[in-house]
């Protein structure tokens, strides 16, 4: 990938982290928090094939 794309991905990741922190503090239940942590781990480790459609959940 080009350096510009990687920079954008990192920027999006930082923004998602900020949003996640906000949501954890305000809106998420324990079950939702656990699900978010699982998705975060999958994305961090680039195991995108493990993600499921919301229709499958």
C-alpha atoms as a PDB file:
ATOM      1  CA  UNK A   1       0.000   0.000   0.000  1.00  0.00           C
ATOM      2  CA  UNK A   2       1.110   3.510  -0.541  1.00  0.00           C
ATOM      3  CA  UNK A   3       2.357   5.521   2.397  1.00  0.00           C
ATOM      4  CA  UNK A   4      -0.585   7.934   2.076  1.00  0.00           C
ATOM      5  CA  UNK A   5      -3.103   5.093   2.413  1.00  0.00           C
ATOM      6  CA  UNK A   6      -1.305   3.709   5.455  1.00  0.00           C
ATOM      7  CA  UNK A   7      -1.291   7.166   7.058  1.00  0.00           C
ATOM      8  CA  UNK A   8      -5.056   7.457   6.478  1.00  0.00           C
ATOM      9  CA  UNK A   9      -5.620   3.994   7.979  1.00  0.00           C
ATOM     10  CA  UNK A  10      -3.630   4.974  11.064  1.00  0.00           C
ATOM     11  CA  UNK A  11      -5.565   8.252  11.337  1.00  0.00           C
ATOM     12  CA  UNK A  12      -8.857   6.376  11.118  1.00  0.00           C
ATOM     13  CA  UNK A  13      -7.597   3.936  13.751  1.00  0.00           C
ATOM     14  CA  UNK A  14      -6.789   6.807  16.134  1.00  0.00           C
ATOM     15  CA  UNK A  15     -10.220   8.337  15.581  1.00  0.00           C
ATOM     16  CA  UNK A  16     -11.890   4.974  16.171  1.00  0.00           C
ATOM     17  CA  UNK A  17      -9.932   4.563  19.410  1.00  0.00           C
ATOM     18  CA  UNK A  18     -11.161   7.961  20.614  1.00  0.00           C
ATOM     19  CA  UNK A  19     -14.720   7.101  19.661  1.00  0.00           C
ATOM     20  CA  UNK A  20     -14.449   3.691  21.319  1.00  0.00           C
ATOM     21  CA  UNK A  21     -13.206   5.271  24.555  1.00  0.00           C
ATOM     22  CA  UNK A  22     -16.124   7.703  24.526  1.00  0.00           C
ATOM     23  CA  UNK A  23     -18.657   4.965  23.876  1.00  0.00           C
ATOM     24  CA  UNK A  24     -17.178   2.744  26.574  1.00  0.00           C
ATOM     25  CA  UNK A  25     -17.577   5.527  29.090  1.00  0.00           C
ATOM     26  CA  UNK A  26     -21.116   6.486  28.120  1.00  0.00           C
ATOM     27  CA  UNK A  27     -23.162   3.944  26.214  1.00  0.00           C
ATOM     28  CA  UNK A  28     -21.873   0.370  26.105  1.00  0.00           C
ATOM     29  CA  UNK A  29     -23.156  -2.517  28.151  1.00  0.00           C
ATOM     30  CA  UNK A  30     -20.718  -5.172  29.336  1.00  0.00           C
ATOM     31  CA  UNK A  31     -21.759  -7.504  26.515  1.00  0.00           C
ATOM     32  CA  UNK A  32     -21.308  -4.769  23.900  1.00  0.00           C
ATOM     33  CA  UNK A  33     -17.911  -3.871  25.329  1.00  0.00           C
ATOM     34  CA  UNK A  34     -16.736  -7.487  25.064  1.00  0.00           C
ATOM     35  CA  UNK A  35     -17.957  -7.684  21.454  1.00  0.00           C
ATOM     36  CA  UNK A  36     -16.177  -4.422  20.626  1.00  0.00           C
ATOM     37  CA  UNK A  37     -12.944  -5.716  22.151  1.00  0.00           C
ATOM     38  CA  UNK A  38     -13.194  -8.891  20.032  1.00  0.00           C
ATOM     39  CA  UNK A  39     -13.728  -6.875  16.840  1.00  0.00           C
ATOM     40  CA  UNK A  40     -10.908  -4.515  17.786  1.00  0.00           C
ATOM     41  CA  UNK A  41      -8.554  -7.482  18.222  1.00  0.00           C
ATOM     42  CA  UNK A  42      -9.581  -8.939  14.850  1.00  0.00           C
ATOM     43  CA  UNK A  43      -8.981  -5.606  13.092  1.00  0.00           C
ATOM     44  CA  UNK A  44      -5.661  -4.958  14.854  1.00  0.00           C
ATOM     45  CA  UNK A  45      -4.413  -8.374  13.760  1.00  0.00           C
ATOM     46  CA  UNK A  46      -5.877  -7.954  10.254  1.00  0.00           C
ATOM     47  CA  UNK A  47      -7.975 -11.124  10.449  1.00  0.00           C
ATOM     48  CA  UNK A  48     -10.796  -9.573   8.440  1.00  0.00           C
ATOM     49  CA  UNK A  49     -12.125 -12.953   7.296  1.00  0.00           C
ATOM     50  CA  UNK A  50     -13.292 -13.531  10.899  1.00  0.00           C
ATOM     51  CA  UNK A  51     -15.657 -10.562  10.811  1.00  0.00           C
ATOM     52  CA  UNK A  52     -19.344 -11.370  10.369  1.00  0.00           C
ATOM     53  CA  UNK A  53     -22.173  -9.421   8.833  1.00  0.00           C
ATOM     54  CA  UNK A  54     -24.574  -7.936  11.360  1.00  0.00           C
ATOM     55  CA  UNK A  55     -27.270  -9.997   9.655  1.00  0.00           C
ATOM     56  CA  UNK A  56     -25.429 -13.152  10.763  1.00  0.00           C
ATOM     57  CA  UNK A  57     -25.179 -12.123  14.422  1.00  0.00           C
END
